[in-house]
N, C-alpha and C. Protein backbone atom coordinates (compact mmCIF):
# COMPACT_ATOMS: atom_id res chain seq x y z
N UNK A 1 0.84 -1.18 0.00
CA UNK A 1 0.00 0.00 0.00
C UNK A 1 0.89 1.25 0.00
N UNK A 2 0.59 2.19 -0.86
CA UNK A 2 1.32 3.45 -0.93
C UNK A 2 0.92 4.31 0.26
N UNK A 3 1.91 4.83 0.99
CA UNK A 3 1.62 5.63 2.17
C UNK A 3 2.01 7.09 2.03
N UNK A 4 2.77 7.40 0.99
CA UNK A 4 3.19 8.77 0.73
C UNK A 4 2.77 9.12 -0.69
N UNK A 5 2.26 10.34 -0.89
CA UNK A 5 1.86 10.76 -2.22
C UNK A 5 2.72 11.95 -2.63
N UNK A 6 3.61 11.75 -3.61
CA UNK A 6 4.44 12.87 -4.05
C UNK A 6 3.62 13.87 -4.85
N UNK A 7 4.05 15.13 -4.80
CA UNK A 7 3.43 16.19 -5.60
C UNK A 7 4.46 16.68 -6.61
N UNK A 8 4.04 16.83 -7.84
CA UNK A 8 4.89 17.34 -8.91
C UNK A 8 4.33 18.66 -9.41
N UNK A 9 5.18 19.65 -9.55
CA UNK A 9 4.77 20.95 -10.08
C UNK A 9 4.69 20.84 -11.60
N UNK A 10 3.58 21.27 -12.14
CA UNK A 10 3.39 21.31 -13.59
C UNK A 10 2.99 22.72 -13.98
N UNK A 11 3.41 23.15 -15.15
CA UNK A 11 3.08 24.50 -15.60
C UNK A 11 1.76 24.55 -16.37
N UNK A 12 1.35 23.42 -16.92
CA UNK A 12 0.07 23.34 -17.63
C UNK A 12 -0.56 22.00 -17.31
N UNK A 13 -1.60 22.02 -16.50
CA UNK A 13 -2.25 20.77 -16.15
C UNK A 13 -2.80 20.07 -17.40
N UNK A 14 -3.32 20.84 -18.32
CA UNK A 14 -3.89 20.26 -19.54
C UNK A 14 -2.86 19.41 -20.30
N UNK A 15 -1.67 19.95 -20.56
CA UNK A 15 -0.66 19.18 -21.29
C UNK A 15 -0.08 18.07 -20.42
N UNK A 16 0.06 18.31 -19.14
CA UNK A 16 0.58 17.26 -18.24
C UNK A 16 -0.41 16.11 -18.12
N UNK A 17 -1.68 16.41 -18.05
CA UNK A 17 -2.69 15.36 -17.97
C UNK A 17 -2.60 14.46 -19.20
N UNK A 18 -2.50 15.04 -20.38
CA UNK A 18 -2.39 14.23 -21.60
C UNK A 18 -1.13 13.36 -21.58
N UNK A 19 -0.02 13.93 -21.11
CA UNK A 19 1.22 13.17 -21.03
C UNK A 19 1.07 12.00 -20.07
N UNK A 20 0.56 12.25 -18.87
CA UNK A 20 0.43 11.18 -17.88
C UNK A 20 -0.58 10.13 -18.31
N UNK A 21 -1.59 10.52 -19.05
CA UNK A 21 -2.51 9.53 -19.61
C UNK A 21 -1.79 8.62 -20.59
N UNK A 22 -0.80 9.14 -21.33
CA UNK A 22 -0.02 8.29 -22.24
C UNK A 22 0.82 7.28 -21.47
N UNK A 23 1.08 7.55 -20.19
CA UNK A 23 1.79 6.61 -19.32
C UNK A 23 0.84 5.63 -18.64
N UNK A 24 -0.46 5.80 -18.87
CA UNK A 24 -1.43 4.90 -18.26
C UNK A 24 -2.03 5.42 -16.96
N UNK A 25 -1.70 6.65 -16.56
CA UNK A 25 -2.31 7.24 -15.38
C UNK A 25 -3.69 7.79 -15.73
N UNK A 26 -4.57 7.82 -14.76
CA UNK A 26 -5.92 8.36 -14.95
C UNK A 26 -6.20 9.38 -13.86
N UNK A 27 -6.88 10.43 -14.24
CA UNK A 27 -7.27 11.46 -13.28
C UNK A 27 -8.26 10.88 -12.29
N UNK A 28 -8.01 11.14 -10.99
CA UNK A 28 -8.96 10.75 -9.95
C UNK A 28 -9.86 11.91 -9.57
N UNK A 29 -9.27 13.09 -9.41
CA UNK A 29 -10.04 14.29 -9.08
C UNK A 29 -9.18 15.52 -9.33
N UNK A 30 -9.86 16.66 -9.46
CA UNK A 30 -9.16 17.94 -9.57
C UNK A 30 -9.81 18.93 -8.61
N UNK A 31 -9.04 19.92 -8.22
CA UNK A 31 -9.55 20.99 -7.34
C UNK A 31 -8.97 22.33 -7.80
N UNK A 32 -9.79 23.34 -7.78
CA UNK A 32 -9.33 24.72 -7.93
C UNK A 32 -10.26 25.59 -7.11
N UNK A 33 -9.69 26.63 -6.50
CA UNK A 33 -10.47 27.47 -5.60
C UNK A 33 -11.54 28.27 -6.31
N UNK A 34 -11.22 28.72 -7.53
CA UNK A 34 -12.17 29.48 -8.34
C UNK A 34 -11.82 29.24 -9.80
N UNK A 35 -12.77 29.46 -10.71
CA UNK A 35 -12.44 29.33 -12.13
C UNK A 35 -11.25 30.23 -12.48
N UNK A 36 -10.33 29.69 -13.27
CA UNK A 36 -9.16 30.43 -13.67
C UNK A 36 -7.98 30.32 -12.71
N UNK A 37 -8.22 29.77 -11.53
CA UNK A 37 -7.13 29.58 -10.57
C UNK A 37 -6.36 28.31 -10.92
N UNK A 38 -5.15 28.13 -10.35
CA UNK A 38 -4.37 26.92 -10.63
C UNK A 38 -5.10 25.64 -10.19
N UNK A 39 -4.76 24.56 -10.88
CA UNK A 39 -5.37 23.25 -10.60
C UNK A 39 -4.45 22.43 -9.72
N UNK A 40 -5.06 21.70 -8.80
CA UNK A 40 -4.39 20.68 -8.00
C UNK A 40 -5.15 19.40 -8.29
N UNK A 41 -4.45 18.34 -8.71
CA UNK A 41 -5.14 17.13 -9.16
C UNK A 41 -4.45 15.88 -8.65
N UNK A 42 -5.21 14.80 -8.63
CA UNK A 42 -4.68 13.48 -8.29
C UNK A 42 -4.79 12.59 -9.52
N UNK A 43 -3.68 11.91 -9.84
CA UNK A 43 -3.68 10.93 -10.92
C UNK A 43 -3.22 9.60 -10.33
N UNK A 44 -3.59 8.49 -10.99
CA UNK A 44 -3.28 7.18 -10.44
C UNK A 44 -3.12 6.16 -11.54
N UNK A 45 -2.18 5.26 -11.32
CA UNK A 45 -2.01 4.11 -12.20
C UNK A 45 -1.73 2.90 -11.33
N UNK A 46 -2.63 1.96 -11.34
CA UNK A 46 -2.45 0.68 -10.66
C UNK A 46 -1.87 0.82 -9.27
N UNK A 47 -2.51 1.67 -8.47
CA UNK A 47 -2.11 1.83 -7.08
C UNK A 47 -1.02 2.86 -6.84
N UNK A 48 -0.47 3.46 -7.88
CA UNK A 48 0.57 4.48 -7.72
C UNK A 48 -0.06 5.84 -7.95
N UNK A 49 -0.18 6.62 -6.89
CA UNK A 49 -0.84 7.92 -6.96
C UNK A 49 0.18 9.05 -6.91
N UNK A 50 -0.09 10.11 -7.67
CA UNK A 50 0.75 11.30 -7.70
C UNK A 50 -0.19 12.51 -7.75
N UNK A 51 0.19 13.56 -7.04
CA UNK A 51 -0.51 14.83 -7.15
C UNK A 51 0.22 15.68 -8.19
N UNK A 52 -0.54 16.36 -9.05
CA UNK A 52 0.00 17.33 -9.99
C UNK A 52 -0.54 18.70 -9.58
N UNK A 53 0.34 19.67 -9.45
CA UNK A 53 -0.09 20.99 -8.99
C UNK A 53 0.45 22.11 -9.88
N UNK A 54 -0.44 23.02 -10.21
CA UNK A 54 -0.04 24.24 -10.92
C UNK A 54 0.31 25.36 -9.94
N UNK A 55 0.08 25.15 -8.66
CA UNK A 55 0.35 26.18 -7.64
C UNK A 55 1.84 26.40 -7.51
N UNK A 56 2.30 27.64 -7.73
CA UNK A 56 3.74 27.93 -7.72
C UNK A 56 4.35 27.76 -6.34
N UNK A 57 3.60 27.90 -5.29
CA UNK A 57 4.14 27.78 -3.94
C UNK A 57 4.23 26.36 -3.41
N UNK A 58 3.68 25.40 -4.11
CA UNK A 58 3.68 24.02 -3.60
C UNK A 58 5.05 23.35 -3.73
N UNK A 59 5.68 23.46 -4.87
CA UNK A 59 6.98 22.83 -5.13
C UNK A 59 7.50 23.38 -6.46
N UNK A 60 8.69 22.97 -6.83
CA UNK A 60 9.31 23.46 -8.05
C UNK A 60 9.29 22.37 -9.14
N UNK A 61 9.37 22.78 -10.39
CA UNK A 61 9.51 21.81 -11.48
C UNK A 61 10.90 21.17 -11.40
N UNK A 62 11.06 20.04 -12.04
CA UNK A 62 12.35 19.36 -12.06
C UNK A 62 12.54 18.36 -10.94
N UNK A 63 11.47 17.83 -10.40
CA UNK A 63 11.55 16.86 -9.31
C UNK A 63 11.94 15.47 -9.82
N UNK A 64 12.21 14.58 -8.89
CA UNK A 64 12.50 13.18 -9.19
C UNK A 64 11.62 12.33 -8.31
N UNK A 65 10.87 11.40 -8.93
CA UNK A 65 10.02 10.47 -8.20
C UNK A 65 10.35 9.06 -8.67
N UNK A 66 10.46 8.13 -7.72
CA UNK A 66 10.72 6.72 -8.03
C UNK A 66 9.42 5.92 -7.88
N UNK A 67 9.18 5.04 -8.85
CA UNK A 67 8.03 4.14 -8.82
C UNK A 67 8.55 2.70 -8.86
N UNK A 68 8.14 1.87 -7.92
CA UNK A 68 8.51 0.46 -7.97
C UNK A 68 7.46 -0.27 -8.82
N UNK A 69 7.94 -1.02 -9.80
CA UNK A 69 7.07 -1.76 -10.70
C UNK A 69 7.55 -3.21 -10.81
N UNK A 70 6.65 -4.13 -11.16
CA UNK A 70 7.04 -5.55 -11.27
C UNK A 70 8.11 -5.81 -12.32
N UNK A 71 8.05 -5.10 -13.46
CA UNK A 71 9.03 -5.32 -14.52
C UNK A 71 9.24 -4.05 -15.34
N UNK A 72 10.40 -3.45 -15.16
CA UNK A 72 10.74 -2.25 -15.92
C UNK A 72 10.76 -2.57 -17.42
N UNK A 73 11.25 -3.74 -17.78
CA UNK A 73 11.35 -4.08 -19.20
C UNK A 73 9.97 -4.21 -19.85
N UNK A 74 9.03 -4.82 -19.17
CA UNK A 74 7.67 -4.91 -19.71
C UNK A 74 7.04 -3.53 -19.81
N UNK A 75 7.23 -2.71 -18.78
CA UNK A 75 6.68 -1.35 -18.81
C UNK A 75 7.29 -0.56 -19.96
N UNK A 76 8.58 -0.69 -20.17
CA UNK A 76 9.26 -0.02 -21.28
C UNK A 76 8.61 -0.37 -22.61
N UNK A 77 8.36 -1.67 -22.83
CA UNK A 77 7.72 -2.11 -24.08
C UNK A 77 6.31 -1.55 -24.20
N UNK A 78 5.56 -1.55 -23.11
CA UNK A 78 4.20 -1.01 -23.13
C UNK A 78 4.21 0.47 -23.50
N UNK A 79 5.08 1.23 -22.86
CA UNK A 79 5.12 2.67 -23.12
C UNK A 79 5.64 2.97 -24.52
N UNK A 80 6.56 2.17 -24.99
CA UNK A 80 7.05 2.33 -26.37
C UNK A 80 5.89 2.15 -27.35
N UNK A 81 5.04 1.17 -27.10
CA UNK A 81 3.87 0.96 -27.96
C UNK A 81 2.90 2.14 -27.90
N UNK A 82 2.90 2.87 -26.80
CA UNK A 82 2.05 4.05 -26.65
C UNK A 82 2.71 5.31 -27.20
N UNK A 83 3.93 5.19 -27.72
CA UNK A 83 4.63 6.32 -28.31
C UNK A 83 5.43 7.15 -27.31
N UNK A 84 5.66 6.61 -26.11
CA UNK A 84 6.43 7.32 -25.09
C UNK A 84 7.90 6.97 -25.24
N UNK A 85 8.76 7.97 -25.20
CA UNK A 85 10.20 7.76 -25.30
C UNK A 85 10.83 7.90 -23.91
N UNK A 86 11.61 6.92 -23.53
CA UNK A 86 12.32 6.98 -22.24
C UNK A 86 13.57 7.84 -22.40
N UNK A 87 13.81 8.71 -21.44
CA UNK A 87 15.05 9.49 -21.45
C UNK A 87 16.24 8.61 -21.06
N UNK A 88 15.99 7.58 -20.28
CA UNK A 88 16.99 6.55 -19.95
C UNK A 88 16.31 5.20 -20.14
N UNK A 89 16.64 4.45 -21.19
CA UNK A 89 16.03 3.13 -21.38
C UNK A 89 16.42 2.19 -20.24
N UNK A 90 15.77 1.04 -20.12
CA UNK A 90 16.08 0.11 -19.04
C UNK A 90 17.57 -0.19 -18.95
N UNK A 91 18.08 -0.14 -17.72
CA UNK A 91 19.51 -0.34 -17.48
C UNK A 91 19.72 -0.83 -16.05
N UNK A 92 20.96 -1.18 -15.75
CA UNK A 92 21.35 -1.60 -14.41
C UNK A 92 22.38 -0.63 -13.82
N UNK A 93 22.26 0.64 -14.14
CA UNK A 93 23.21 1.65 -13.67
C UNK A 93 23.23 1.78 -12.15
N UNK A 94 22.16 1.39 -11.47
CA UNK A 94 22.09 1.48 -10.01
C UNK A 94 22.60 0.21 -9.33
N UNK A 95 23.08 -0.73 -10.11
CA UNK A 95 23.60 -1.97 -9.57
C UNK A 95 22.94 -3.17 -10.21
N UNK A 96 23.52 -4.34 -10.03
CA UNK A 96 23.01 -5.53 -10.73
C UNK A 96 21.63 -5.99 -10.28
N UNK A 97 21.20 -5.56 -9.09
CA UNK A 97 19.90 -6.01 -8.57
C UNK A 97 18.78 -5.00 -8.78
N UNK A 98 19.08 -3.89 -9.46
CA UNK A 98 18.06 -2.85 -9.69
C UNK A 98 18.00 -2.55 -11.18
N UNK A 99 16.86 -2.82 -11.77
CA UNK A 99 16.61 -2.49 -13.17
C UNK A 99 15.83 -1.18 -13.16
N UNK A 100 16.26 -0.20 -13.94
CA UNK A 100 15.65 1.12 -13.89
C UNK A 100 15.53 1.74 -15.27
N UNK A 101 14.58 2.65 -15.41
CA UNK A 101 14.47 3.51 -16.59
C UNK A 101 13.90 4.83 -16.14
N UNK A 102 14.10 5.87 -16.94
CA UNK A 102 13.60 7.20 -16.59
C UNK A 102 12.84 7.80 -17.76
N UNK A 103 11.85 8.60 -17.41
CA UNK A 103 11.04 9.33 -18.38
C UNK A 103 10.91 10.76 -17.88
N UNK A 104 11.04 11.72 -18.76
CA UNK A 104 10.85 13.13 -18.40
C UNK A 104 9.45 13.57 -18.79
N UNK A 105 8.78 14.26 -17.88
CA UNK A 105 7.46 14.81 -18.22
C UNK A 105 7.65 16.16 -18.90
N UNK A 106 6.58 16.83 -19.33
CA UNK A 106 6.72 18.10 -20.07
C UNK A 106 7.43 19.21 -19.28
N UNK A 107 7.48 19.08 -17.94
CA UNK A 107 8.13 20.10 -17.11
C UNK A 107 9.49 19.63 -16.59
N UNK A 108 10.04 18.60 -17.21
CA UNK A 108 11.33 18.03 -16.82
C UNK A 108 11.33 17.43 -15.42
N UNK A 109 10.17 17.02 -14.93
CA UNK A 109 10.13 16.17 -13.74
C UNK A 109 10.57 14.79 -14.20
N UNK A 110 11.47 14.17 -13.44
CA UNK A 110 12.01 12.88 -13.84
C UNK A 110 11.28 11.76 -13.11
N UNK A 111 10.70 10.85 -13.88
CA UNK A 111 9.98 9.70 -13.36
C UNK A 111 10.88 8.49 -13.54
N UNK A 112 11.32 7.92 -12.45
CA UNK A 112 12.25 6.79 -12.49
C UNK A 112 11.47 5.54 -12.06
N UNK A 113 11.43 4.55 -12.93
CA UNK A 113 10.73 3.30 -12.67
C UNK A 113 11.76 2.24 -12.34
N UNK A 114 11.55 1.52 -11.23
CA UNK A 114 12.51 0.56 -10.72
C UNK A 114 11.90 -0.81 -10.54
N UNK A 115 12.68 -1.83 -10.85
CA UNK A 115 12.37 -3.20 -10.45
C UNK A 115 13.56 -3.67 -9.63
N UNK A 116 13.29 -4.07 -8.39
CA UNK A 116 14.34 -4.52 -7.49
C UNK A 116 14.32 -6.04 -7.47
N UNK A 117 15.43 -6.65 -7.84
CA UNK A 117 15.51 -8.09 -8.06
C UNK A 117 14.99 -8.91 -6.88
N UNK A 118 15.39 -8.61 -5.66
CA UNK A 118 14.96 -9.40 -4.50
C UNK A 118 13.44 -9.38 -4.35
N UNK A 119 12.83 -8.22 -4.58
CA UNK A 119 11.37 -8.11 -4.47
C UNK A 119 10.69 -8.83 -5.61
N UNK A 120 11.26 -8.73 -6.82
CA UNK A 120 10.68 -9.40 -7.98
C UNK A 120 10.73 -10.91 -7.78
N UNK A 121 11.86 -11.42 -7.30
CA UNK A 121 12.02 -12.86 -7.10
C UNK A 121 11.09 -13.40 -6.03
N UNK A 122 10.75 -12.56 -5.05
CA UNK A 122 9.87 -12.98 -3.97
C UNK A 122 8.42 -12.61 -4.24
N UNK A 123 8.15 -11.98 -5.38
CA UNK A 123 6.79 -11.53 -5.68
C UNK A 123 6.35 -10.43 -4.74
N UNK A 124 7.29 -9.57 -4.32
CA UNK A 124 7.02 -8.61 -3.26
C UNK A 124 6.59 -7.23 -3.68
N UNK A 125 6.28 -6.98 -4.92
CA UNK A 125 5.84 -5.64 -5.31
C UNK A 125 4.37 -5.46 -4.97
N UNK A 126 4.03 -4.27 -4.42
CA UNK A 126 2.63 -3.99 -4.10
C UNK A 126 1.80 -3.68 -5.33
N UNK A 127 2.46 -3.28 -6.41
CA UNK A 127 1.73 -2.91 -7.62
C UNK A 127 1.29 -4.15 -8.39
N UNK A 128 0.18 -4.04 -9.03
CA UNK A 128 -0.29 -5.11 -9.90
C UNK A 128 0.55 -5.14 -11.16
N UNK A 129 0.57 -6.24 -11.90
CA UNK A 129 1.32 -6.26 -13.15
C UNK A 129 0.88 -5.12 -14.05
N UNK A 130 1.84 -4.46 -14.66
CA UNK A 130 1.56 -3.28 -15.47
C UNK A 130 1.29 -3.59 -16.92
N UNK A 131 1.57 -4.79 -17.35
CA UNK A 131 1.51 -5.08 -18.77
C UNK A 131 0.55 -6.23 -19.05
N UNK A 132 -0.69 -5.96 -19.07
CA UNK A 132 -1.65 -7.03 -19.28
C UNK A 132 -1.67 -7.51 -20.73
N UNK A 133 -1.21 -6.68 -21.67
CA UNK A 133 -1.31 -7.10 -23.06
C UNK A 133 0.00 -6.91 -23.83
N UNK A 134 1.12 -6.93 -23.13
CA UNK A 134 2.41 -6.79 -23.80
C UNK A 134 3.13 -8.13 -23.75
N UNK A 135 3.66 -8.56 -24.87
CA UNK A 135 4.39 -9.81 -24.94
C UNK A 135 5.88 -9.54 -24.89
N UNK A 136 6.59 -10.03 -23.82
CA UNK A 136 8.03 -9.82 -23.79
C UNK A 136 8.73 -10.66 -24.84
N UNK A 137 9.94 -10.21 -25.24
CA UNK A 137 10.66 -10.96 -26.25
C UNK A 137 11.97 -11.45 -25.71
């Protein structure tokens, strides 16, 4: 179960929403104090929730968030099929037991997806499988 929800600063919720939808995230809710004011929103993908905020005082653009997933390689293939380009394709730069890739959002927030070997081998990821229709090769 996710116990912390990161917030990412976005300059345009409209363009960020479209980008995150291409990653498989779905809007849960949005809030704004009045029409024309900045948006604060919740997006979610298979148990991984993130807040997106246009409020300048909440945080700065250029953040880094890590997501634990069952298989970085399967996710990479899924996102490639959706037309998403990884800024760092799957690699073991963090060590032999950590498979990782990175994607930049429109505001240069870095989304790092990780598969940790010990958790994968034990079936220990809290997230559901991310690739219901992708065939690994």
